N, C-alpha and C. Protein backbone atom coordinates (compact mmCIF):
# COMPACT_ATOMS: atom_id res chain seq x y z
N UNK A 1 -9.59 -57.89 169.69
CA UNK A 1 -8.83 -56.86 169.04
C UNK A 1 -7.35 -57.62 169.17
N UNK A 2 -6.49 -57.36 168.09
CA UNK A 2 -4.93 -58.09 167.87
C UNK A 2 -4.30 -56.77 168.78
N UNK A 3 -3.31 -57.76 169.38
CA UNK A 3 -2.59 -57.14 170.66
C UNK A 3 -1.61 -55.58 169.78
N UNK A 4 -1.37 -54.89 171.05
CA UNK A 4 -0.23 -53.39 170.60
C UNK A 4 0.82 -53.49 171.44
N UNK A 5 1.51 -53.49 170.46
CA UNK A 5 2.68 -53.91 171.22
C UNK A 5 4.33 -53.58 170.12
N UNK A 6 5.28 -52.77 170.76
CA UNK A 6 6.29 -51.79 169.97
C UNK A 6 6.96 -52.42 168.76
N UNK A 7 7.02 -51.85 168.05
CA UNK A 7 7.92 -52.78 166.63
C UNK A 7 9.05 -52.20 166.36
N UNK A 8 10.29 -53.16 166.42
CA UNK A 8 11.43 -52.57 165.71
C UNK A 8 11.57 -51.95 163.98
N UNK A 9 12.09 -50.28 164.52
CA UNK A 9 12.69 -50.06 162.85
C UNK A 9 13.28 -50.52 162.52
N UNK A 10 14.70 -51.37 163.51
CA UNK A 10 15.51 -51.70 162.74
C UNK A 10 15.93 -53.25 162.47
N UNK A 11 14.90 -54.44 162.74
CA UNK A 11 14.71 -55.37 162.58
C UNK A 11 13.60 -55.82 162.67
N UNK A 12 13.42 -57.06 162.05
CA UNK A 12 12.42 -58.11 162.17
C UNK A 12 12.21 -58.24 163.24
N UNK A 13 10.16 -58.52 163.47
CA UNK A 13 8.94 -58.44 163.88
C UNK A 13 9.09 -60.15 164.73
N UNK A 14 9.27 -60.16 165.84
CA UNK A 14 9.25 -61.44 165.80
C UNK A 14 7.73 -62.19 165.83
N UNK A 15 7.13 -63.43 165.44
CA UNK A 15 5.95 -63.53 164.96
C UNK A 15 5.01 -63.08 166.33
N UNK A 16 5.82 -63.61 167.97
CA UNK A 16 5.06 -64.05 169.03
C UNK A 16 4.65 -62.79 169.33
N UNK A 17 3.45 -62.11 169.81
CA UNK A 17 3.27 -61.03 170.69
C UNK A 17 3.11 -61.08 171.78
N UNK A 18 3.04 -59.99 172.54
CA UNK A 18 2.91 -60.10 173.82
C UNK A 18 1.81 -58.87 174.30
N UNK A 19 0.53 -58.62 175.15
CA UNK A 19 -0.25 -57.54 175.21
C UNK A 19 0.73 -56.76 175.32
N UNK A 20 -0.43 -55.19 174.89
CA UNK A 20 -0.54 -54.38 175.08
C UNK A 20 -0.22 -53.16 175.80
N UNK A 21 0.28 -52.70 176.53
CA UNK A 21 -0.25 -51.77 177.11
C UNK A 21 -1.33 -50.99 177.28
N UNK A 22 -1.73 -50.57 178.26
CA UNK A 22 -3.00 -49.70 177.72
C UNK A 22 -2.97 -48.08 177.57
N UNK A 23 -1.33 -47.30 177.56
CA UNK A 23 -1.42 -46.53 176.80
C UNK A 23 -1.70 -46.60 175.52
N UNK A 24 -0.37 -47.37 175.04
CA UNK A 24 -0.24 -48.01 173.39
C UNK A 24 -1.67 -48.02 173.19
N UNK A 25 -2.70 -48.64 173.50
CA UNK A 25 -3.75 -49.61 173.30
C UNK A 25 -4.91 -47.78 172.68
N UNK A 26 -4.68 -47.49 174.37
CA UNK A 26 -5.44 -45.80 173.44
C UNK A 26 -4.99 -44.61 173.06
N UNK A 27 -3.82 -44.75 172.65
CA UNK A 27 -2.88 -43.98 171.08
C UNK A 27 -3.23 -44.27 170.34
N UNK A 28 -2.59 -46.01 169.77
CA UNK A 28 -3.80 -46.34 168.87
C UNK A 28 -5.02 -45.88 168.32
N UNK A 29 -5.88 -46.32 169.35
CA UNK A 29 -7.78 -45.81 169.13
C UNK A 29 -7.98 -44.91 169.40
N UNK A 30 -7.22 -43.87 169.34
CA UNK A 30 -7.62 -42.42 169.20
C UNK A 30 -7.18 -42.27 167.94
N UNK A 31 -5.82 -42.23 167.82
CA UNK A 31 -5.44 -42.38 166.00
C UNK A 31 -6.54 -42.63 164.80
N UNK A 32 -7.01 -43.63 165.31
CA UNK A 32 -7.47 -44.57 164.49
C UNK A 32 -9.42 -43.76 164.43
N UNK A 33 -9.91 -43.25 165.64
CA UNK A 33 -10.72 -42.44 165.93
C UNK A 33 -10.99 -40.97 165.62
N UNK A 34 -9.47 -40.33 165.00
CA UNK A 34 -9.41 -39.62 164.97
C UNK A 34 -9.45 -39.12 163.39
N UNK A 35 -9.02 -40.31 163.31
CA UNK A 35 -9.01 -40.06 160.97
C UNK A 35 -9.72 -40.38 160.63
N UNK A 36 -10.68 -41.26 161.31
CA UNK A 36 -12.43 -41.78 160.78
C UNK A 36 -12.85 -40.49 160.78
N UNK A 37 -12.92 -39.86 161.92
CA UNK A 37 -13.42 -38.58 162.45
C UNK A 37 -13.58 -37.65 161.38
N UNK A 38 -12.23 -37.52 160.28
CA UNK A 38 -11.79 -36.96 159.79
C UNK A 38 -12.55 -37.23 158.36
N UNK A 39 -12.91 -38.35 158.27
CA UNK A 39 -13.30 -38.80 156.88
C UNK A 39 -14.29 -38.57 156.76
N UNK A 40 -15.16 -38.55 157.96
CA UNK A 40 -16.76 -38.82 157.76
C UNK A 40 -16.67 -36.61 157.75
N UNK A 41 -16.30 -35.54 158.56
CA UNK A 41 -16.40 -34.18 158.00
C UNK A 41 -16.33 -34.26 157.03
N UNK A 42 -15.67 -34.76 156.17
CA UNK A 42 -15.12 -34.06 154.88
C UNK A 42 -16.10 -34.77 154.05
N UNK A 43 -17.17 -35.88 153.78
CA UNK A 43 -17.37 -36.84 153.01
C UNK A 43 -18.55 -36.35 153.15
N UNK A 44 -18.92 -35.01 153.38
CA UNK A 44 -20.24 -34.31 152.95
C UNK A 44 -20.07 -33.22 151.44
N UNK A 45 -19.00 -33.12 151.29
CA UNK A 45 -18.19 -32.47 149.67
C UNK A 45 -18.84 -33.23 148.75
N UNK A 46 -19.30 -34.82 149.12
CA UNK A 46 -19.41 -35.37 148.18
C UNK A 46 -20.59 -35.25 147.49
N UNK A 47 -21.39 -34.93 148.62
CA UNK A 47 -23.07 -34.69 148.40
C UNK A 47 -23.60 -33.47 146.97
N UNK A 48 -22.55 -32.68 147.52
CA UNK A 48 -23.05 -31.98 146.51
C UNK A 48 -21.76 -30.08 146.58
N UNK A 49 -21.76 -29.48 144.90
CA UNK A 49 -20.63 -28.48 145.01
C UNK A 49 -20.65 -27.53 146.25
N UNK A 50 -19.68 -27.37 146.67
CA UNK A 50 -19.83 -26.23 147.67
C UNK A 50 -19.64 -25.38 147.04
N UNK A 51 -19.95 -24.08 147.28
CA UNK A 51 -19.93 -22.14 147.32
C UNK A 51 -18.20 -22.04 147.49
N UNK A 52 -18.01 -20.84 146.59
CA UNK A 52 -17.31 -20.47 146.38
C UNK A 52 -15.57 -21.24 146.98
N UNK A 53 -14.36 -20.80 147.43
CA UNK A 53 -12.86 -20.71 147.27
C UNK A 53 -13.55 -22.34 146.54
N UNK A 54 -13.73 -23.48 147.59
CA UNK A 54 -13.97 -24.67 147.40
C UNK A 54 -14.28 -25.00 145.98
N UNK A 55 -15.60 -24.89 145.82
CA UNK A 55 -16.40 -25.07 145.08
C UNK A 55 -15.75 -24.29 143.15
N UNK A 56 -14.54 -23.57 143.66
CA UNK A 56 -13.99 -23.26 142.24
C UNK A 56 -13.03 -24.19 141.16
N UNK A 57 -12.54 -25.40 143.06
CA UNK A 57 -11.77 -26.40 142.14
C UNK A 57 -12.55 -27.90 142.54
N UNK A 58 -13.64 -28.08 142.38
CA UNK A 58 -14.07 -28.21 143.34
C UNK A 58 -13.51 -30.05 142.87
N UNK A 59 -13.38 -30.20 141.52
CA UNK A 59 -13.29 -31.83 141.21
C UNK A 59 -11.49 -32.20 141.71
N UNK A 60 -10.61 -31.63 141.93
CA UNK A 60 -9.64 -31.48 142.81
C UNK A 60 -9.58 -32.04 144.04
N UNK A 61 -10.53 -30.70 144.50
CA UNK A 61 -11.02 -31.27 146.62
C UNK A 61 -11.21 -32.50 146.77
N UNK A 62 -12.63 -33.26 145.28
CA UNK A 62 -12.94 -34.63 145.66
C UNK A 62 -11.91 -35.31 145.63
N UNK A 63 -10.81 -35.52 144.59
CA UNK A 63 -9.54 -36.72 144.63
C UNK A 63 -8.59 -36.18 145.79
N UNK A 64 -8.49 -35.12 146.71
CA UNK A 64 -7.21 -34.48 147.30
C UNK A 64 -8.65 -35.28 148.28
N UNK A 65 -9.68 -35.27 149.18
CA UNK A 65 -10.64 -35.77 150.05
C UNK A 65 -10.44 -36.98 149.79
N UNK A 66 -10.58 -37.71 148.53
CA UNK A 66 -10.70 -38.96 148.36
C UNK A 66 -9.33 -40.01 148.62
N UNK A 67 -8.57 -38.91 148.31
CA UNK A 67 -6.56 -40.07 148.40
C UNK A 67 -6.38 -39.36 149.79
N UNK A 68 -7.32 -38.94 149.75
CA UNK A 68 -6.92 -38.14 151.66
C UNK A 68 -7.01 -39.55 152.93
N UNK A 69 -8.56 -40.19 152.68
CA UNK A 69 -10.18 -40.57 153.20
C UNK A 69 -9.18 -41.79 152.93
N UNK A 70 -8.48 -42.29 152.03
CA UNK A 70 -7.74 -43.47 151.98
C UNK A 70 -6.73 -44.50 152.72
N UNK A 71 -5.81 -42.92 152.83
CA UNK A 71 -5.39 -43.07 152.88
C UNK A 71 -4.91 -43.02 154.95
N UNK A 72 -5.83 -41.60 155.30
CA UNK A 72 -6.51 -41.81 156.36
C UNK A 72 -7.00 -43.35 157.40
N UNK A 73 -7.83 -44.01 156.52
CA UNK A 73 -8.72 -45.53 156.86
C UNK A 73 -7.71 -46.06 156.84
N UNK A 74 -7.02 -46.76 156.08
CA UNK A 74 -5.99 -47.48 155.88
C UNK A 74 -4.17 -47.15 156.48
N UNK A 75 -3.93 -46.25 156.54
CA UNK A 75 -2.42 -45.64 157.08
C UNK A 75 -2.55 -46.64 158.43
N UNK A 76 -3.85 -46.97 159.94
CA UNK A 76 -3.51 -47.14 161.22
C UNK A 76 -3.35 -48.50 161.10
N UNK A 77 -3.64 -49.57 159.90
CA UNK A 77 -3.76 -50.87 160.29
C UNK A 77 -2.43 -50.93 159.39
N UNK A 78 -1.65 -50.77 158.03
CA UNK A 78 -0.25 -51.13 157.86
C UNK A 78 0.86 -51.04 159.14
N UNK A 79 0.39 -50.41 160.85
CA UNK A 79 1.07 -50.60 161.94
C UNK A 79 0.71 -51.65 162.19
N UNK A 80 0.18 -53.22 161.99
CA UNK A 80 -0.55 -53.94 162.16
C UNK A 80 0.92 -55.46 162.41
N UNK A 81 0.85 -55.94 163.26
CA UNK A 81 1.70 -56.40 163.67
C UNK A 81 1.28 -57.80 162.78
N UNK A 82 0.39 -58.59 163.36
CA UNK A 82 -0.76 -59.53 163.44
C UNK A 82 -1.19 -59.63 162.19
N UNK A 83 -1.93 -57.96 161.49
CA UNK A 83 -1.86 -58.04 160.19
C UNK A 83 -0.88 -58.89 158.82
N UNK A 84 0.43 -58.11 159.29
CA UNK A 84 1.67 -58.63 159.05
C UNK A 84 1.59 -60.25 158.57
N UNK A 85 1.86 -60.93 159.78
CA UNK A 85 2.17 -62.16 159.41
C UNK A 85 1.15 -63.08 159.75
N UNK A 86 -0.14 -62.57 159.79
CA UNK A 86 -1.03 -63.32 159.62
C UNK A 86 -1.60 -63.08 157.99
N UNK A 87 -1.90 -62.30 157.62
CA UNK A 87 -2.75 -62.19 156.35
C UNK A 87 -1.49 -61.21 155.83
N UNK A 88 -0.28 -61.64 155.20
CA UNK A 88 0.80 -61.10 154.12
C UNK A 88 -0.13 -60.37 153.33
N UNK A 89 -0.49 -61.33 152.34
CA UNK A 89 -0.74 -60.53 151.14
C UNK A 89 -2.26 -59.79 151.40
N UNK A 90 -3.05 -59.80 152.22
CA UNK A 90 -3.53 -58.17 152.90
C UNK A 90 -2.66 -56.98 153.25
N UNK A 91 -1.69 -57.37 153.60
CA UNK A 91 -1.28 -55.70 153.92
C UNK A 91 -0.17 -55.71 152.75
N UNK A 92 -0.05 -56.66 151.33
CA UNK A 92 0.32 -56.18 150.20
C UNK A 92 -0.41 -54.77 149.84
N UNK A 93 -1.79 -55.72 149.89
CA UNK A 93 -2.50 -54.86 148.94
C UNK A 93 -2.65 -54.01 149.47
N UNK A 94 -2.72 -53.71 150.73
CA UNK A 94 -3.67 -52.42 151.40
C UNK A 94 -2.54 -51.49 151.39
N UNK A 95 -1.37 -52.16 151.62
CA UNK A 95 -0.81 -51.29 151.44
C UNK A 95 -0.16 -50.72 150.27
N UNK A 96 -0.83 -51.38 149.13
CA UNK A 96 -0.97 -50.71 147.27
C UNK A 96 -1.58 -49.48 147.59
N UNK A 97 -3.17 -49.85 148.36
CA UNK A 97 -4.09 -49.12 148.21
C UNK A 97 -3.59 -47.69 148.69
N UNK A 98 -2.77 -48.01 149.83
CA UNK A 98 -3.05 -46.64 150.81
C UNK A 98 -1.49 -45.51 150.23
N UNK A 99 -0.76 -46.39 149.13
CA UNK A 99 0.61 -45.57 148.42
C UNK A 99 -0.11 -45.05 147.15
N UNK A 100 -1.22 -45.73 146.77
CA UNK A 100 -2.19 -44.92 145.45
C UNK A 100 -3.62 -44.22 146.50
N UNK A 101 -3.93 -43.85 147.54
CA UNK A 101 -4.45 -42.49 147.93
C UNK A 101 -3.24 -41.59 148.52
N UNK A 102 -2.02 -42.52 148.45
CA UNK A 102 -1.17 -40.94 148.92
C UNK A 102 -1.18 -40.32 147.33
N UNK A 103 -0.65 -41.00 146.76
CA UNK A 103 -0.82 -40.61 145.16
C UNK A 103 -1.52 -39.40 144.92
N UNK A 104 -2.36 -40.58 145.07
CA UNK A 104 -3.59 -39.01 143.92
C UNK A 104 -3.72 -38.20 145.25
N UNK A 105 -3.45 -38.05 146.53
CA UNK A 105 -3.94 -37.09 146.87
C UNK A 105 -3.03 -35.67 147.31
N UNK A 106 -1.73 -36.23 147.54
CA UNK A 106 -0.75 -35.28 146.99
C UNK A 106 -0.57 -34.61 145.59
N UNK A 107 -0.68 -35.25 144.28
CA UNK A 107 -0.76 -34.86 143.66
C UNK A 107 -2.11 -34.03 143.24
N UNK A 108 -3.06 -34.04 143.67
CA UNK A 108 -4.34 -32.94 143.81
C UNK A 108 -4.53 -32.21 145.26
N UNK A 109 -3.60 -32.54 145.93
CA UNK A 109 -3.23 -31.21 147.21
C UNK A 109 -2.25 -30.25 146.39
N UNK A 110 -1.32 -30.54 145.54
CA UNK A 110 -0.19 -29.44 145.37
C UNK A 110 -0.79 -29.07 144.08
N UNK A 111 -1.89 -29.23 143.71
CA UNK A 111 -2.59 -28.61 142.72
C UNK A 111 -2.99 -27.64 143.41
N UNK A 112 -4.12 -27.90 144.16
CA UNK A 112 -5.13 -26.97 145.00
C UNK A 112 -3.85 -25.83 145.90
N UNK A 113 -3.22 -26.58 146.49
CA UNK A 113 -1.84 -25.75 146.92
C UNK A 113 -1.68 -24.49 146.43
N UNK A 114 -1.17 -24.53 144.77
CA UNK A 114 -1.67 -23.37 143.98
C UNK A 114 -2.25 -22.33 143.40
N UNK A 115 -3.86 -22.67 144.46
CA UNK A 115 -5.16 -21.99 144.74
C UNK A 115 -5.35 -21.43 145.81
N UNK A 116 -4.45 -21.96 147.09
CA UNK A 116 -5.41 -22.03 148.28
C UNK A 116 -5.20 -20.52 148.56
N UNK A 117 -5.96 -19.65 149.27
CA UNK A 117 -6.40 -18.77 150.08
C UNK A 117 -4.61 -18.40 150.47
N UNK A 118 -4.66 -16.84 151.13
CA UNK A 118 -3.77 -15.89 151.70
C UNK A 118 -2.84 -16.03 151.24
N UNK A 119 -2.64 -16.30 149.27
CA UNK A 119 -1.17 -16.23 149.08
C UNK A 119 -0.17 -17.03 149.00
N UNK A 120 1.76 -16.58 149.20
CA UNK A 120 2.55 -17.41 148.39
C UNK A 120 3.09 -18.18 149.72
N UNK A 121 2.66 -17.71 151.15
CA UNK A 121 2.96 -18.69 152.51
C UNK A 121 2.41 -19.76 152.16
N UNK A 122 0.65 -20.21 152.10
CA UNK A 122 0.23 -21.17 152.26
C UNK A 122 0.71 -21.26 151.00
N UNK A 123 0.48 -20.98 149.58
CA UNK A 123 1.19 -21.52 148.64
C UNK A 123 2.23 -22.73 148.95
N UNK A 124 3.40 -22.22 149.02
CA UNK A 124 5.01 -22.61 149.54
C UNK A 124 4.22 -23.94 150.90
N UNK A 125 3.03 -23.58 151.99
CA UNK A 125 3.44 -24.53 153.01
C UNK A 125 2.81 -26.08 152.34
N UNK A 126 1.44 -25.32 151.57
CA UNK A 126 0.89 -26.58 151.64
C UNK A 126 1.43 -27.51 150.52
N UNK A 127 1.85 -26.41 149.24
CA UNK A 127 3.09 -27.52 148.09
C UNK A 127 3.91 -27.81 148.96
N UNK A 128 4.69 -27.65 149.87
CA UNK A 128 6.00 -27.99 150.37
C UNK A 128 5.02 -29.99 150.87
N UNK A 129 4.47 -30.23 151.77
CA UNK A 129 3.39 -30.75 152.30
C UNK A 129 2.80 -31.83 150.98
N UNK A 130 2.53 -31.37 150.47
CA UNK A 130 2.47 -32.06 148.68
C UNK A 130 4.02 -33.16 148.17
N UNK A 131 4.36 -32.64 148.05
CA UNK A 131 5.37 -32.70 147.35
C UNK A 131 6.07 -34.11 148.50
N UNK A 132 6.82 -33.86 149.95
CA UNK A 132 6.81 -35.04 151.20
C UNK A 132 6.07 -35.50 151.22
N UNK A 133 4.39 -35.01 150.70
CA UNK A 133 4.04 -36.78 151.17
C UNK A 133 4.33 -37.23 150.46
N UNK A 134 4.24 -36.97 148.45
CA UNK A 134 4.71 -38.10 147.41
C UNK A 134 6.01 -38.60 148.17
N UNK A 135 6.96 -37.79 148.12
CA UNK A 135 7.86 -38.55 147.79
C UNK A 135 8.66 -39.52 149.18
N UNK A 136 7.93 -39.64 150.19
CA UNK A 136 8.12 -40.48 151.23
C UNK A 136 7.33 -41.30 151.20
N UNK A 137 6.52 -41.33 150.08
CA UNK A 137 5.06 -42.69 150.23
C UNK A 137 6.02 -43.50 148.85
N UNK A 138 6.83 -42.99 148.07
CA UNK A 138 7.66 -43.52 146.71
C UNK A 138 8.79 -44.13 147.79
N UNK A 139 9.27 -43.31 148.05
CA UNK A 139 10.55 -43.77 148.69
C UNK A 139 10.20 -45.60 149.75
N UNK A 140 9.11 -45.40 150.61
CA UNK A 140 8.18 -46.38 150.78
C UNK A 140 8.17 -47.62 150.21
N UNK A 141 7.96 -47.32 148.64
CA UNK A 141 7.48 -48.30 147.75
C UNK A 141 8.71 -48.65 147.27
N UNK A 142 9.92 -47.89 147.22
CA UNK A 142 11.14 -48.28 146.58
C UNK A 142 11.87 -49.39 147.15
N UNK A 143 11.07 -48.64 148.72
CA UNK A 143 12.38 -50.15 149.67
C UNK A 143 11.62 -51.38 150.29
N UNK A 144 10.53 -50.72 149.58
CA UNK A 144 9.59 -52.60 149.98
C UNK A 144 10.01 -53.33 149.00
N UNK A 145 10.39 -52.68 147.77
CA UNK A 145 10.63 -53.68 146.31
C UNK A 145 12.04 -54.10 146.41
N UNK A 146 12.56 -53.30 147.15
CA UNK A 146 14.35 -53.43 147.21
C UNK A 146 14.37 -54.56 148.18
N UNK A 147 13.44 -54.89 148.90
CA UNK A 147 13.80 -56.06 149.85
C UNK A 147 14.22 -55.56 151.04
N UNK A 148 13.80 -54.15 151.73
CA UNK A 148 14.24 -53.00 152.53
C UNK A 148 13.05 -53.17 154.02
N UNK A 149 13.11 -54.15 154.28
CA UNK A 149 11.90 -53.79 155.05
C UNK A 149 12.14 -52.89 156.31
N UNK A 150 13.17 -52.23 156.62
CA UNK A 150 13.28 -51.77 158.52
C UNK A 150 13.26 -50.23 157.33
N UNK A 151 14.24 -49.70 156.23
CA UNK A 151 13.82 -48.54 155.34
C UNK A 151 11.92 -48.73 155.04
N UNK A 152 11.71 -49.15 154.77
CA UNK A 152 10.36 -49.13 154.13
C UNK A 152 9.43 -48.50 155.82
N UNK A 153 10.17 -49.75 157.09
CA UNK A 153 8.58 -48.85 157.86
C UNK A 153 9.47 -47.49 157.95
N UNK A 154 10.36 -47.29 158.59
CA UNK A 154 10.88 -45.89 158.25
C UNK A 154 10.64 -44.63 157.66
N UNK A 155 10.31 -45.15 156.20
CA UNK A 155 10.02 -44.09 155.45
C UNK A 155 8.18 -44.25 155.35
N UNK A 156 7.69 -45.38 155.71
CA UNK A 156 6.64 -45.55 156.32
C UNK A 156 5.45 -44.21 157.48
N UNK A 157 6.49 -44.55 158.20
CA UNK A 157 6.32 -43.78 159.42
C UNK A 157 6.63 -42.31 159.17
N UNK A 158 7.08 -41.46 158.47
CA UNK A 158 8.02 -40.37 158.14
C UNK A 158 5.91 -40.31 157.10
N UNK A 159 5.82 -41.14 156.11
CA UNK A 159 5.16 -40.33 155.18
C UNK A 159 3.77 -40.54 156.49
N UNK A 160 3.35 -41.46 157.48
CA UNK A 160 1.90 -41.47 157.84
C UNK A 160 2.14 -40.00 158.56
N UNK A 161 3.42 -40.17 159.07
CA UNK A 161 2.48 -38.59 159.90
C UNK A 161 2.02 -36.76 158.96
N UNK A 162 2.06 -37.44 157.39
CA UNK A 162 1.88 -35.89 156.67
C UNK A 162 0.51 -36.49 156.54
N UNK A 163 0.24 -37.77 156.12
CA UNK A 163 -0.69 -38.28 156.01
C UNK A 163 -2.10 -37.68 157.13
N UNK A 164 -1.24 -38.07 158.45
CA UNK A 164 -2.43 -36.96 159.57
C UNK A 164 -1.97 -35.49 159.76
N UNK A 165 -1.74 -34.98 158.48
CA UNK A 165 -1.74 -33.84 158.89
C UNK A 165 -3.34 -32.98 158.58
N UNK A 166 -3.75 -34.10 158.22
CA UNK A 166 -5.21 -33.73 157.51
C UNK A 166 -5.88 -33.92 159.02
N UNK A 167 -5.66 -33.98 159.85
CA UNK A 167 -6.24 -34.51 161.54
C UNK A 167 -5.56 -33.44 162.42
N UNK A 168 -4.18 -32.85 161.84
CA UNK A 168 -3.54 -31.64 162.29
C UNK A 168 -4.40 -30.13 162.17
N UNK A 169 -4.62 -30.23 160.61
CA UNK A 169 -4.51 -29.34 160.21
C UNK A 169 -6.15 -28.88 160.42
N UNK A 170 -6.77 -29.90 162.23
CA UNK A 170 -8.26 -28.86 162.18
C UNK A 170 -8.00 -28.95 163.99
N UNK A 171 -6.79 -29.65 164.61
CA UNK A 171 -7.29 -29.01 165.88
C UNK A 171 -6.54 -27.85 166.39
N UNK A 172 -5.55 -26.71 165.24
CA UNK A 172 -5.88 -25.03 165.38
C UNK A 172 -6.25 -24.18 165.24
N UNK A 173 -7.17 -23.86 164.17
CA UNK A 173 -7.63 -23.31 164.06
C UNK A 173 -8.34 -22.41 165.44
N UNK A 174 -9.72 -23.51 166.25
CA UNK A 174 -10.35 -22.87 167.01
C UNK A 174 -9.65 -22.37 168.36
N UNK A 175 -8.68 -23.57 168.45
CA UNK A 175 -7.52 -21.85 169.91
C UNK A 175 -7.52 -20.83 169.08
N UNK A 176 -7.05 -21.09 167.81
CA UNK A 176 -5.81 -19.79 167.49
C UNK A 176 -7.13 -18.66 167.09
N UNK A 177 -8.55 -18.74 165.96
CA UNK A 177 -9.21 -18.24 166.17
C UNK A 177 -10.38 -17.48 167.74
N UNK A 178 -10.63 -18.37 168.01
CA UNK A 178 -11.31 -18.34 169.17
C UNK A 178 -10.85 -17.58 170.93
N UNK A 179 -9.55 -18.57 171.36
CA UNK A 179 -8.77 -18.08 172.17
C UNK A 179 -8.07 -17.06 172.15
N UNK A 180 -7.17 -17.23 171.42
CA UNK A 180 -5.57 -16.21 170.71
C UNK A 180 -6.48 -15.20 170.05
N UNK A 181 -7.70 -15.35 169.61
CA UNK A 181 -8.63 -13.78 168.34
C UNK A 181 -7.47 -13.37 167.55
N UNK A 182 -6.87 -14.79 166.74
CA UNK A 182 -5.91 -14.28 165.74
C UNK A 182 -7.62 -13.84 164.43
N UNK A 183 -6.73 -13.05 163.79
CA UNK A 183 -7.36 -13.09 162.61
C UNK A 183 -7.27 -14.20 161.25
N UNK A 184 -8.57 -14.64 160.54
CA UNK A 184 -8.05 -15.95 159.76
C UNK A 184 -7.05 -15.69 158.72
N UNK A 185 -6.80 -14.88 158.12
CA UNK A 185 -5.67 -14.93 157.47
C UNK A 185 -4.37 -15.30 158.13
N UNK A 186 -3.76 -14.64 159.19
CA UNK A 186 -3.19 -14.82 159.96
C UNK A 186 -2.70 -16.42 160.58
N UNK A 187 -4.29 -16.64 160.78
CA UNK A 187 -4.46 -18.59 161.28
C UNK A 187 -3.87 -19.35 160.10
N UNK A 188 -4.67 -18.69 158.76
CA UNK A 188 -4.84 -20.07 158.30
C UNK A 188 -2.84 -20.46 158.21
N UNK A 189 -2.19 -19.47 157.02
CA UNK A 189 -0.83 -19.45 156.74
C UNK A 189 -0.48 -20.13 157.76
N UNK A 190 -0.98 -19.86 159.43
CA UNK A 190 0.54 -20.58 160.31
C UNK A 190 0.41 -22.18 160.25
N UNK A 191 -1.59 -22.25 160.20
CA UNK A 191 -1.96 -23.65 160.25
C UNK A 191 -1.49 -24.09 158.89
N UNK A 192 -0.91 -23.41 158.21
CA UNK A 192 -0.61 -24.28 156.40
C UNK A 192 1.15 -24.67 156.87
N UNK A 193 1.41 -24.59 157.58
CA UNK A 193 2.85 -25.55 158.01
C UNK A 193 2.79 -25.41 158.99
N UNK A 194 2.29 -25.23 160.35
CA UNK A 194 2.11 -26.32 161.61
C UNK A 194 1.65 -27.39 161.14
N UNK A 195 0.61 -27.73 160.11
CA UNK A 195 -0.61 -28.82 159.99
C UNK A 195 0.33 -30.48 160.01
N UNK A 196 1.99 -29.72 159.35
CA UNK A 196 2.73 -30.90 158.59
C UNK A 196 3.81 -30.84 159.59
N UNK A 197 3.97 -29.82 159.10
CA UNK A 197 6.08 -29.11 159.85
C UNK A 197 6.08 -30.33 161.49
N UNK A 198 5.19 -30.37 162.56
CA UNK A 198 6.00 -30.52 163.10
C UNK A 198 5.55 -32.44 164.04
N UNK A 199 4.88 -32.81 162.75
CA UNK A 199 4.30 -33.63 162.70
C UNK A 199 5.27 -34.76 162.14
N UNK A 200 6.55 -33.83 161.06
CA UNK A 200 7.42 -35.08 160.71
C UNK A 200 8.69 -34.89 161.15
N UNK A 201 8.96 -33.81 162.10
CA UNK A 201 10.10 -33.80 162.87
C UNK A 201 10.13 -34.77 164.39
N UNK A 202 8.37 -34.61 164.78
CA UNK A 202 8.39 -36.02 165.30
C UNK A 202 8.40 -36.98 165.16
N UNK A 203 8.36 -37.73 163.89
CA UNK A 203 7.99 -38.87 163.15
C UNK A 203 10.14 -39.52 163.28
N UNK A 204 10.66 -37.83 162.37
CA UNK A 204 12.00 -37.81 161.71
C UNK A 204 13.18 -38.74 162.96
N UNK A 205 12.63 -37.47 164.60
CA UNK A 205 12.65 -38.18 165.81
C UNK A 205 13.33 -39.41 165.80
N UNK A 206 11.32 -40.30 166.19
CA UNK A 206 11.12 -41.20 165.73
C UNK A 206 12.47 -42.07 165.58
N UNK A 207 12.31 -42.26 164.57
CA UNK A 207 13.07 -42.36 163.00
C UNK A 207 14.43 -42.65 163.30
N UNK A 208 14.92 -41.58 164.29
CA UNK A 208 16.50 -41.74 164.11
C UNK A 208 16.65 -41.96 165.50
N UNK A 209 16.33 -42.20 166.26
CA UNK A 209 16.35 -42.13 167.89
C UNK A 209 15.59 -43.18 169.00
N UNK A 210 14.61 -43.73 168.67
CA UNK A 210 13.60 -44.52 169.10
C UNK A 210 13.58 -46.27 168.57
N UNK A 211 13.65 -46.87 168.87
CA UNK A 211 13.89 -48.92 168.58
C UNK A 211 12.62 -48.97 167.95
N UNK A 212 11.76 -47.84 168.64
CA UNK A 212 10.25 -48.85 168.46
C UNK A 212 9.65 -48.04 168.36
N UNK A 213 8.96 -48.45 167.59
CA UNK A 213 6.36 -47.46 167.58
C UNK A 213 6.48 -48.72 167.56
N UNK A 214 4.32 -47.78 168.34
CA UNK A 214 3.62 -48.79 168.69
C UNK A 214 3.02 -50.05 167.37
N UNK A 215 2.52 -50.97 167.56
CA UNK A 215 1.64 -51.16 166.15
C UNK A 215 0.77 -52.74 166.74
N UNK A 216 -0.02 -52.73 166.25
CA UNK A 216 -0.90 -53.17 166.48
C UNK A 216 -0.88 -54.53 166.62
């Protein structure tokens, strides 16, 4: 396993790597395992068309899941310092696949948001998530084409925080429905916003106020 150490957001990272702290390593593995679990949980939709709301927009759903799965499985590895330094071409190709996955997932997600249940609150919540997910990915791509590595990393942090909305989306329903006894419509409206807004605010805080982020 490669080491997990902080990477500067504002300056090139030296090739030499110190061994990671245990907490940083745990955080990275937890992120990777949660991403993999979400992908595994969503994979059953490829086995057959579901009934009800998702079945009515099945091909959009599959496109959204395919794009989101690619982003979740590749995203954590794009923060790998050793991958960037030892295998830069692989890092670039994984980056292309990641951003292509984001484009597919966000476009399909925006289309699905138009048909989301519970009306305008969820249409707007999920729709804005899709717009920001696409926009931050596009900005990350533009910045790396311009050779601005530091800005590219900042936009990638923002973008991956939105990819992780697929994870946080699934963390709220159980406590809201089971512990707080919310109705499904109220919980669904709440999750349409809370699955991504806190993620994005945390990413923005890291970008603006922290000089480092963890990377393997």
